[in-house]
Amino acid sequence: METTLHTQLKRYGMLCVGLLIMSFGIACSIKAELGTSPVSSLPFVLSQFTPFERWGFARSWINATLILLQILLLRRQYDPIQLIQLPVALAFGFLTDFSVWVLQDITCSSYLTQWMLCVCGILLVGIGVSFEVTANVVTLAGEGMVLAICKVFPVKFANAKVGMDLTLVTTAAVLSLLFLGTLVGVREGTVAAAIFVGLTARQVNRPLKRFAERYFA
């Protein structure tokens, strides 16, 4: 029992590290001002023309929808502990606010520095996602949806992650053009993140899994 509890504590510790890394990645993306992150693009656009006037409120509804889709997709395979994804998302929001505060004095003086920050953000989010998934406990709703797809269909996590992010960005772009007449919150940085976050996570997964095998032993 002690060994199991100790292992679980280690797993949740790895999850917390992953969320912290991801929060700094998102903070870098925010400071870069090259568009919202893929998972944030849809709630941001919805907040511009629906009753969900606040971005956080819209994101909560998107998270709830993703959890419902996971339940419908997995059915009996769905682990009820994953319902904790909502409070985890709230905690992640606080971590992101903290990370933005830490980086508040960083400014971009040129388009090049914007891209440098954007790339840092993509790398950090990809690494954080890998930590989150390797911990194998509770995930954020977005990654939870990707894992659910991987359980039902023969798709690798990195490919499913890229597909999921591109779907969110495309949906956000289409809704933005239809209802706002212009692209809002979706820029080149958003598209780059949709493509490369999943690919970064794939590169980090192998060495991190080898580390986790020793760490959780």
Protein backbone atom coordinates (compact mmCIF):
# COMPACT_ATOMS: atom_id res chain seq x y z
CA MET A 1 0.00 0.00 0.00
CA GLU A 2 2.82 2.41 0.89
CA THR A 3 4.56 1.65 -2.39
CA THR A 4 1.35 2.30 -4.36
CA LEU A 5 0.70 5.56 -2.49
CA HIS A 6 4.31 6.64 -2.98
CA THR A 7 4.07 5.92 -6.72
CA GLN A 8 0.80 7.85 -7.01
CA LEU A 9 2.33 10.84 -5.21
CA LYS A 10 5.24 10.72 -7.67
CA ARG A 11 2.81 10.61 -10.59
CA TYR A 12 0.88 13.63 -9.31
CA GLY A 13 4.20 15.38 -8.70
CA MET A 14 5.13 14.79 -12.35
CA LEU A 15 1.70 16.09 -13.39
CA CYS A 16 2.25 19.29 -11.38
CA VAL A 17 5.68 19.79 -12.97
CA GLY A 18 4.12 19.31 -16.41
CA LEU A 19 1.35 21.84 -15.71
CA LEU A 20 3.88 24.38 -14.46
CA ILE A 21 6.04 23.94 -17.59
CA MET A 22 2.95 24.27 -19.78
CA SER A 23 1.83 27.42 -17.95
CA PHE A 24 5.15 29.12 -18.71
CA GLY A 25 4.83 27.98 -22.33
CA ILE A 26 1.40 29.59 -22.62
CA ALA A 27 2.71 32.72 -20.88
CA CYS A 28 5.46 32.93 -23.52
CA SER A 29 2.84 32.58 -26.26
CA ILE A 30 0.75 35.34 -24.69
CA LYS A 31 3.76 37.66 -24.51
CA ALA A 32 4.66 36.85 -28.13
CA GLU A 33 1.27 38.19 -29.29
CA LEU A 34 1.22 35.94 -32.36
CA GLY A 35 -2.17 34.44 -31.60
CA THR A 36 -3.74 32.38 -28.84
CA SER A 37 -2.77 28.76 -28.18
CA PRO A 38 -4.78 26.15 -30.19
CA VAL A 39 -6.77 24.98 -27.16
CA SER A 40 -7.56 28.61 -26.29
CA SER A 41 -8.47 29.72 -29.82
CA LEU A 42 -12.03 28.34 -29.88
CA PRO A 43 -13.16 29.67 -26.47
CA PHE A 44 -11.55 33.03 -27.25
CA VAL A 45 -13.48 33.36 -30.53
CA LEU A 46 -16.73 32.18 -28.91
CA SER A 47 -16.31 34.82 -26.20
CA GLN A 48 -16.41 37.50 -28.91
CA PHE A 49 -19.92 36.84 -30.27
CA THR A 50 -21.81 34.57 -27.84
CA PRO A 51 -23.27 35.07 -24.33
CA PHE A 52 -19.97 33.63 -23.04
CA GLU A 53 -18.53 37.12 -22.76
CA ARG A 54 -15.62 36.07 -20.57
CA TRP A 55 -12.86 33.91 -22.08
CA GLY A 56 -12.52 31.84 -18.89
CA PHE A 57 -16.27 31.09 -18.84
CA ALA A 58 -16.19 30.03 -22.49
CA ARG A 59 -13.16 27.82 -21.84
CA SER A 60 -14.96 26.14 -18.92
CA TRP A 61 -17.83 25.23 -21.25
CA ILE A 62 -15.41 23.91 -23.88
CA ASN A 63 -13.69 21.80 -21.20
CA ALA A 64 -17.05 20.45 -20.03
CA THR A 65 -17.96 19.60 -23.64
CA LEU A 66 -14.65 17.76 -24.14
CA ILE A 67 -15.24 15.76 -20.96
CA LEU A 68 -18.74 14.82 -22.18
CA LEU A 69 -17.29 13.74 -25.54
CA GLN A 70 -14.74 11.58 -23.72
CA ILE A 71 -17.55 9.86 -21.80
CA LEU A 72 -19.55 9.27 -25.00
CA LEU A 73 -16.47 7.97 -26.80
CA LEU A 74 -15.13 5.68 -24.07
CA ARG A 75 -18.42 4.67 -22.40
CA ARG A 76 -17.60 1.88 -19.92
CA GLN A 77 -13.89 2.47 -20.40
CA TYR A 78 -14.19 5.99 -19.02
CA ASP A 79 -12.47 6.39 -15.65
CA PRO A 80 -14.62 8.63 -13.37
CA ILE A 81 -11.46 10.06 -11.80
CA GLN A 82 -11.02 12.01 -15.04
CA LEU A 83 -13.92 14.23 -13.93
CA ILE A 84 -11.24 15.95 -11.86
CA GLN A 85 -10.15 17.49 -15.17
CA LEU A 86 -12.35 20.53 -14.43
CA PRO A 87 -10.72 21.49 -11.08
CA VAL A 88 -7.31 20.68 -12.60
CA ALA A 89 -8.13 23.14 -15.39
CA LEU A 90 -8.96 25.79 -12.78
CA ALA A 91 -5.64 25.16 -11.01
CA PHE A 92 -3.88 25.38 -14.36
CA GLY A 93 -5.52 28.77 -14.91
CA PHE A 94 -3.99 30.04 -11.67
CA LEU A 95 -0.58 28.66 -12.70
CA THR A 96 -0.86 30.43 -16.06
CA ASP A 97 -1.73 33.73 -14.34
CA PHE A 98 1.32 33.24 -12.10
CA SER A 99 3.57 32.54 -15.11
CA VAL A 100 2.29 35.62 -16.94
CA TRP A 101 3.06 37.67 -13.81
CA VAL A 102 6.61 36.26 -13.67
CA LEU A 103 7.20 37.20 -17.32
CA GLN A 104 5.43 40.56 -17.15
CA ASP A 105 8.61 42.59 -17.72
CA ILE A 106 9.51 40.76 -20.95
CA THR A 107 8.72 42.82 -24.04
CA CYS A 108 9.08 42.09 -27.74
CA SER A 109 10.88 44.81 -29.67
CA SER A 110 10.63 43.13 -33.07
CA TYR A 111 8.84 40.43 -35.04
CA LEU A 112 11.92 38.21 -34.60
CA THR A 113 11.74 38.40 -30.81
CA GLN A 114 8.03 37.64 -31.02
CA TRP A 115 8.85 34.45 -32.90
CA MET A 116 11.63 33.58 -30.44
CA LEU A 117 9.14 33.77 -27.58
CA CYS A 118 6.57 31.86 -29.62
CA VAL A 119 9.04 29.02 -30.29
CA CYS A 120 9.96 28.92 -26.58
CA GLY A 121 6.25 28.69 -25.80
CA ILE A 122 5.71 25.82 -28.27
CA LEU A 123 8.67 23.86 -26.87
CA LEU A 124 7.59 24.37 -23.25
CA VAL A 125 3.98 23.40 -23.93
CA GLY A 126 5.11 20.29 -25.82
CA ILE A 127 7.41 19.27 -22.96
CA GLY A 128 4.67 19.98 -20.41
CA VAL A 129 2.15 17.87 -22.36
CA SER A 130 4.64 14.98 -22.38
CA PHE A 131 5.05 15.23 -18.59
CA GLU A 132 1.27 15.39 -18.15
CA VAL A 133 0.60 12.30 -20.27
CA THR A 134 3.54 10.28 -18.88
CA ALA A 135 2.28 10.90 -15.33
CA ASN A 136 -0.79 8.87 -16.37
CA VAL A 137 -3.18 10.21 -13.75
CA VAL A 138 -5.50 13.16 -14.48
CA THR A 139 -5.03 15.29 -17.59
CA LEU A 140 -6.43 18.56 -18.86
CA ALA A 141 -9.60 18.13 -20.91
CA GLY A 142 -7.81 18.71 -24.24
CA GLU A 143 -5.20 16.02 -23.66
CA GLY A 144 -7.88 13.80 -22.12
CA MET A 145 -9.82 13.98 -25.37
CA VAL A 146 -6.68 13.10 -27.35
CA LEU A 147 -6.01 10.08 -25.10
CA ALA A 148 -9.63 8.97 -25.50
CA ILE A 149 -9.26 9.08 -29.29
CA CYS A 150 -6.04 7.03 -29.01
CA LYS A 151 -7.86 4.38 -26.94
CA VAL A 152 -10.68 3.97 -29.43
CA PHE A 153 -8.77 4.39 -32.70
CA PRO A 154 -5.31 3.12 -33.74
CA VAL A 155 -3.72 6.58 -33.67
CA LYS A 156 -0.45 7.63 -32.05
CA PHE A 157 -0.74 10.34 -29.39
CA ALA A 158 1.42 12.90 -31.22
CA ASN A 159 -0.60 12.53 -34.44
CA ALA A 160 -3.91 12.72 -32.56
CA LYS A 161 -2.67 15.80 -30.69
CA VAL A 162 -1.76 17.58 -33.92
CA GLY A 163 -5.12 16.61 -35.44
CA MET A 164 -7.01 17.84 -32.38
CA ASP A 165 -5.17 21.17 -32.28
CA LEU A 166 -5.65 21.75 -36.02
CA THR A 167 -9.37 20.97 -35.66
CA LEU A 168 -9.75 23.51 -32.84
CA VAL A 169 -7.83 26.19 -34.77
CA THR A 170 -9.74 25.55 -38.02
CA THR A 171 -13.10 25.69 -36.20
CA ALA A 172 -12.09 28.91 -34.44
CA ALA A 173 -10.94 30.48 -37.73
CA VAL A 174 -14.15 29.53 -39.58
CA LEU A 175 -16.41 30.83 -36.78
CA SER A 176 -14.36 34.01 -36.54
CA LEU A 177 -14.70 34.70 -40.27
CA LEU A 178 -18.42 33.82 -40.31
CA PHE A 179 -19.53 35.81 -37.26
CA LEU A 180 -16.88 38.51 -36.86
CA GLY A 181 -15.85 39.05 -40.46
CA THR A 182 -12.15 38.78 -39.62
CA LEU A 183 -9.65 36.49 -37.94
CA VAL A 184 -9.58 37.07 -34.19
CA GLY A 185 -7.11 35.34 -31.87
CA VAL A 186 -5.85 33.07 -34.65
CA ARG A 187 -2.51 34.04 -36.14
CA GLU A 188 0.65 32.41 -37.45
CA GLY A 189 1.76 31.49 -33.94
CA THR A 190 -1.51 29.61 -33.36
CA VAL A 191 -1.00 27.53 -36.51
CA ALA A 192 2.65 26.85 -35.61
CA ALA A 193 1.62 25.68 -32.14
CA ALA A 194 -1.11 23.44 -33.58
CA ILE A 195 1.48 21.68 -35.75
CA PHE A 196 4.56 21.56 -33.53
CA VAL A 197 3.32 21.09 -29.94
CA GLY A 198 2.32 17.49 -30.68
CA LEU A 199 5.55 16.84 -32.58
CA THR A 200 7.58 18.24 -29.68
CA ALA A 201 5.71 16.02 -27.24
CA ARG A 202 6.52 12.99 -29.41
CA GLN A 203 10.25 13.76 -29.30
CA VAL A 204 10.17 14.17 -25.51
CA ASN A 205 8.02 11.09 -24.86
CA ARG A 206 10.71 8.45 -25.42
CA PRO A 207 13.40 9.73 -23.03
CA LEU A 208 10.75 10.78 -20.51
CA LYS A 209 9.19 7.30 -20.51
CA ARG A 210 12.61 5.75 -19.81
CA PHE A 211 13.04 8.20 -16.92
CA ALA A 212 9.53 7.47 -15.63
CA GLU A 213 10.19 3.71 -15.57
CA ARG A 214 13.02 4.29 -13.10
CA TYR A 215 11.28 7.14 -11.27
CA PHE A 216 8.07 5.22 -10.59
CA ALA A 217 9.84 1.94 -9.69
